[in-house]
């Protein structure tokens, strides 16, 4: 009889980049093909896309600047 398999057993041997669909090792933090930062592996073998907080912060700052400029220039 074989030993019962544990629930934490690895199901995948590699993960796929969500941007270019290139296979990469499970430990990879950056896709070797497109240089996109990736996270942990999802349930279907795809790497999780990391949130670009810097881009969101810059976007919000620019919207606030635009709102203040419109208020200053027109009101």
N, C-alpha and C. Protein backbone atom coordinates (compact mmCIF):
# COMPACT_ATOMS: atom_id res chain seq x y z
N UNK A 1 0.83 -1.18 0.00
CA UNK A 1 0.00 0.00 0.00
C UNK A 1 0.88 1.24 0.00
N UNK A 2 0.43 2.24 -0.69
CA UNK A 2 1.18 3.48 -0.72
C UNK A 2 0.71 4.40 0.39
N UNK A 3 1.59 5.32 0.75
CA UNK A 3 1.25 6.28 1.80
C UNK A 3 0.20 7.25 1.29
N UNK A 4 -0.70 7.71 2.14
CA UNK A 4 -1.71 8.68 1.69
C UNK A 4 -1.04 9.99 1.30
N UNK A 5 -1.54 10.59 0.24
CA UNK A 5 -0.93 11.83 -0.22
C UNK A 5 -1.38 12.99 0.68
N UNK A 6 -0.45 13.89 0.94
CA UNK A 6 -0.77 15.03 1.79
C UNK A 6 -1.52 16.08 0.99
N UNK A 7 -2.29 16.91 1.68
CA UNK A 7 -3.07 17.94 1.01
C UNK A 7 -2.19 19.09 0.53
N UNK A 8 -0.98 19.20 1.04
CA UNK A 8 -0.07 20.29 0.65
C UNK A 8 0.91 19.85 -0.43
N UNK A 9 0.64 18.73 -1.05
CA UNK A 9 1.52 18.23 -2.10
C UNK A 9 1.47 19.17 -3.30
N UNK A 10 2.62 19.41 -3.92
CA UNK A 10 2.67 20.29 -5.09
C UNK A 10 1.98 19.62 -6.26
N UNK A 11 1.08 20.36 -6.91
CA UNK A 11 0.37 19.83 -8.05
C UNK A 11 1.05 20.24 -9.35
N UNK A 12 1.76 21.36 -9.35
CA UNK A 12 2.34 21.91 -10.57
C UNK A 12 3.87 21.89 -10.48
N UNK A 13 4.50 21.78 -11.64
CA UNK A 13 5.97 21.81 -11.66
C UNK A 13 6.49 23.14 -12.22
N UNK A 14 5.61 23.93 -12.83
CA UNK A 14 5.97 25.26 -13.31
C UNK A 14 4.72 26.12 -13.30
N UNK A 15 4.93 27.43 -13.53
CA UNK A 15 3.79 28.34 -13.61
C UNK A 15 3.87 29.12 -14.90
N UNK A 16 2.73 29.67 -15.32
CA UNK A 16 2.64 30.40 -16.58
C UNK A 16 2.48 31.88 -16.31
N UNK A 17 3.16 32.70 -17.10
CA UNK A 17 3.05 34.15 -16.99
C UNK A 17 1.67 34.58 -17.49
N UNK A 18 0.96 35.44 -16.74
CA UNK A 18 -0.37 35.87 -17.20
C UNK A 18 -0.31 36.86 -18.37
N UNK A 19 0.84 37.40 -18.67
CA UNK A 19 0.98 38.38 -19.75
C UNK A 19 1.37 37.72 -21.07
N UNK A 20 2.42 36.90 -21.06
CA UNK A 20 2.93 36.33 -22.31
C UNK A 20 2.77 34.80 -22.39
N UNK A 21 2.23 34.19 -21.35
CA UNK A 21 1.97 32.73 -21.30
C UNK A 21 3.23 31.89 -21.41
N UNK A 22 4.34 32.44 -21.00
CA UNK A 22 5.61 31.70 -20.99
C UNK A 22 5.69 30.89 -19.70
N UNK A 23 6.17 29.65 -19.79
CA UNK A 23 6.36 28.83 -18.59
C UNK A 23 7.62 29.28 -17.88
N UNK A 24 7.58 29.24 -16.54
CA UNK A 24 8.73 29.62 -15.73
C UNK A 24 8.75 28.75 -14.47
N UNK A 25 9.87 28.72 -13.76
CA UNK A 25 9.94 27.94 -12.53
C UNK A 25 8.98 28.47 -11.47
N UNK A 26 8.60 27.63 -10.53
CA UNK A 26 7.67 28.03 -9.47
C UNK A 26 8.25 29.13 -8.59
N UNK A 27 9.56 29.20 -8.44
CA UNK A 27 10.19 30.18 -7.56
C UNK A 27 10.44 31.52 -8.23
N UNK A 28 10.16 31.64 -9.52
CA UNK A 28 10.47 32.87 -10.26
C UNK A 28 9.60 34.04 -9.78
N UNK A 29 10.23 35.20 -9.64
CA UNK A 29 9.53 36.43 -9.26
C UNK A 29 9.30 37.33 -10.46
N UNK A 30 10.09 37.14 -11.52
CA UNK A 30 10.01 37.95 -12.74
C UNK A 30 9.99 37.00 -13.93
N UNK A 31 9.10 37.28 -14.88
CA UNK A 31 9.02 36.44 -16.08
C UNK A 31 10.30 36.63 -16.91
N UNK A 32 10.95 35.56 -17.33
CA UNK A 32 12.17 35.71 -18.12
C UNK A 32 11.91 36.24 -19.53
N UNK A 33 10.72 36.12 -20.05
CA UNK A 33 10.44 36.57 -21.41
C UNK A 33 10.02 38.03 -21.47
N UNK A 34 9.04 38.43 -20.65
CA UNK A 34 8.51 39.80 -20.75
C UNK A 34 8.92 40.69 -19.57
N UNK A 35 9.63 40.16 -18.60
CA UNK A 35 10.15 40.91 -17.44
C UNK A 35 9.04 41.47 -16.54
N UNK A 36 7.87 40.85 -16.56
CA UNK A 36 6.77 41.28 -15.70
C UNK A 36 6.92 40.61 -14.33
N UNK A 37 6.67 41.38 -13.27
CA UNK A 37 6.71 40.82 -11.92
C UNK A 37 5.49 39.94 -11.71
N UNK A 38 5.70 38.74 -11.20
CA UNK A 38 4.60 37.81 -10.96
C UNK A 38 4.64 37.33 -9.52
N UNK A 39 3.51 36.86 -9.05
CA UNK A 39 3.38 36.39 -7.68
C UNK A 39 3.34 34.87 -7.61
N UNK A 40 2.60 34.40 -6.63
CA UNK A 40 2.46 32.96 -6.41
C UNK A 40 1.64 32.32 -7.50
N UNK A 41 1.61 31.01 -7.48
CA UNK A 41 0.87 30.27 -8.49
C UNK A 41 -0.59 30.18 -8.09
N UNK A 42 -1.47 30.32 -9.06
CA UNK A 42 -2.90 30.21 -8.83
C UNK A 42 -3.36 28.76 -8.91
N UNK A 43 -4.64 28.51 -8.73
CA UNK A 43 -5.14 27.13 -8.72
C UNK A 43 -5.05 26.44 -10.08
N UNK A 44 -4.95 27.18 -11.16
CA UNK A 44 -4.91 26.57 -12.49
C UNK A 44 -3.53 26.61 -13.13
N UNK A 45 -2.50 26.94 -12.37
CA UNK A 45 -1.14 26.95 -12.88
C UNK A 45 -0.67 28.29 -13.41
N UNK A 46 -1.52 29.30 -13.39
CA UNK A 46 -1.12 30.64 -13.84
C UNK A 46 -0.55 31.42 -12.66
N UNK A 47 0.45 32.22 -12.94
CA UNK A 47 1.01 33.08 -11.90
C UNK A 47 0.02 34.22 -11.64
N UNK A 48 -0.01 34.69 -10.40
CA UNK A 48 -0.90 35.78 -10.02
C UNK A 48 -0.24 37.09 -10.42
N UNK A 49 -1.00 37.97 -11.04
CA UNK A 49 -0.50 39.28 -11.44
C UNK A 49 -0.42 40.17 -10.20
N UNK A 50 0.75 40.76 -9.95
CA UNK A 50 0.91 41.63 -8.79
C UNK A 50 0.32 43.02 -9.07
N UNK A 51 -0.18 43.65 -8.04
CA UNK A 51 -0.77 44.98 -8.17
C UNK A 51 0.35 46.02 -8.24
N UNK A 52 0.23 46.91 -9.20
CA UNK A 52 1.20 47.99 -9.38
C UNK A 52 0.76 49.20 -8.56
N UNK A 53 1.07 49.22 -7.27
CA UNK A 53 0.62 50.29 -6.38
C UNK A 53 1.23 51.63 -6.76
N UNK A 54 2.43 51.64 -7.28
CA UNK A 54 3.07 52.89 -7.67
C UNK A 54 2.27 53.57 -8.79
N UNK A 55 1.79 52.80 -9.75
CA UNK A 55 1.00 53.36 -10.84
C UNK A 55 -0.32 53.92 -10.32
N UNK A 56 -0.98 53.22 -9.40
CA UNK A 56 -2.23 53.72 -8.82
C UNK A 56 -1.99 55.01 -8.04
N UNK A 57 -0.89 55.08 -7.31
CA UNK A 57 -0.57 56.27 -6.54
C UNK A 57 -0.32 57.47 -7.45
N UNK A 58 0.44 57.27 -8.51
CA UNK A 58 0.72 58.35 -9.46
C UNK A 58 -0.57 58.82 -10.13
N UNK A 59 -1.42 57.89 -10.50
CA UNK A 59 -2.69 58.25 -11.13
C UNK A 59 -3.56 59.08 -10.20
N UNK A 60 -3.67 58.68 -8.95
CA UNK A 60 -4.48 59.44 -7.99
C UNK A 60 -3.89 60.83 -7.75
N UNK A 61 -2.56 60.93 -7.66
CA UNK A 61 -1.92 62.23 -7.46
C UNK A 61 -2.18 63.15 -8.65
N UNK A 62 -2.14 62.63 -9.85
CA UNK A 62 -2.40 63.45 -11.03
C UNK A 62 -3.86 63.90 -11.11
N UNK A 63 -4.80 63.04 -10.72
CA UNK A 63 -6.21 63.44 -10.68
C UNK A 63 -6.43 64.54 -9.65
N UNK A 64 -5.78 64.42 -8.49
CA UNK A 64 -5.90 65.48 -7.48
C UNK A 64 -5.30 66.79 -7.98
N UNK A 65 -4.15 66.72 -8.63
CA UNK A 65 -3.54 67.92 -9.20
C UNK A 65 -4.47 68.57 -10.22
N UNK A 66 -5.09 67.77 -11.09
CA UNK A 66 -6.02 68.30 -12.08
C UNK A 66 -7.22 68.96 -11.42
N UNK A 67 -7.76 68.34 -10.37
CA UNK A 67 -8.90 68.92 -9.67
C UNK A 67 -8.53 70.26 -9.03
N UNK A 68 -7.37 70.32 -8.38
CA UNK A 68 -6.93 71.58 -7.77
C UNK A 68 -6.66 72.65 -8.84
N UNK A 69 -6.10 72.26 -9.97
CA UNK A 69 -5.84 73.21 -11.05
C UNK A 69 -7.15 73.77 -11.60
N UNK A 70 -8.13 72.91 -11.83
CA UNK A 70 -9.42 73.37 -12.35
C UNK A 70 -10.08 74.31 -11.36
N UNK A 71 -10.02 73.98 -10.06
CA UNK A 71 -10.61 74.85 -9.05
C UNK A 71 -9.89 76.20 -9.02
N UNK A 72 -8.57 76.20 -9.10
CA UNK A 72 -7.78 77.43 -9.06
C UNK A 72 -8.01 78.27 -10.32
N UNK A 73 -8.06 77.61 -11.48
CA UNK A 73 -8.12 78.36 -12.73
C UNK A 73 -9.52 78.87 -13.07
N UNK A 74 -10.55 78.18 -12.67
CA UNK A 74 -11.88 78.52 -13.14
C UNK A 74 -12.85 78.96 -12.04
N UNK A 75 -12.51 78.81 -10.78
CA UNK A 75 -13.46 79.18 -9.71
C UNK A 75 -12.87 80.18 -8.76
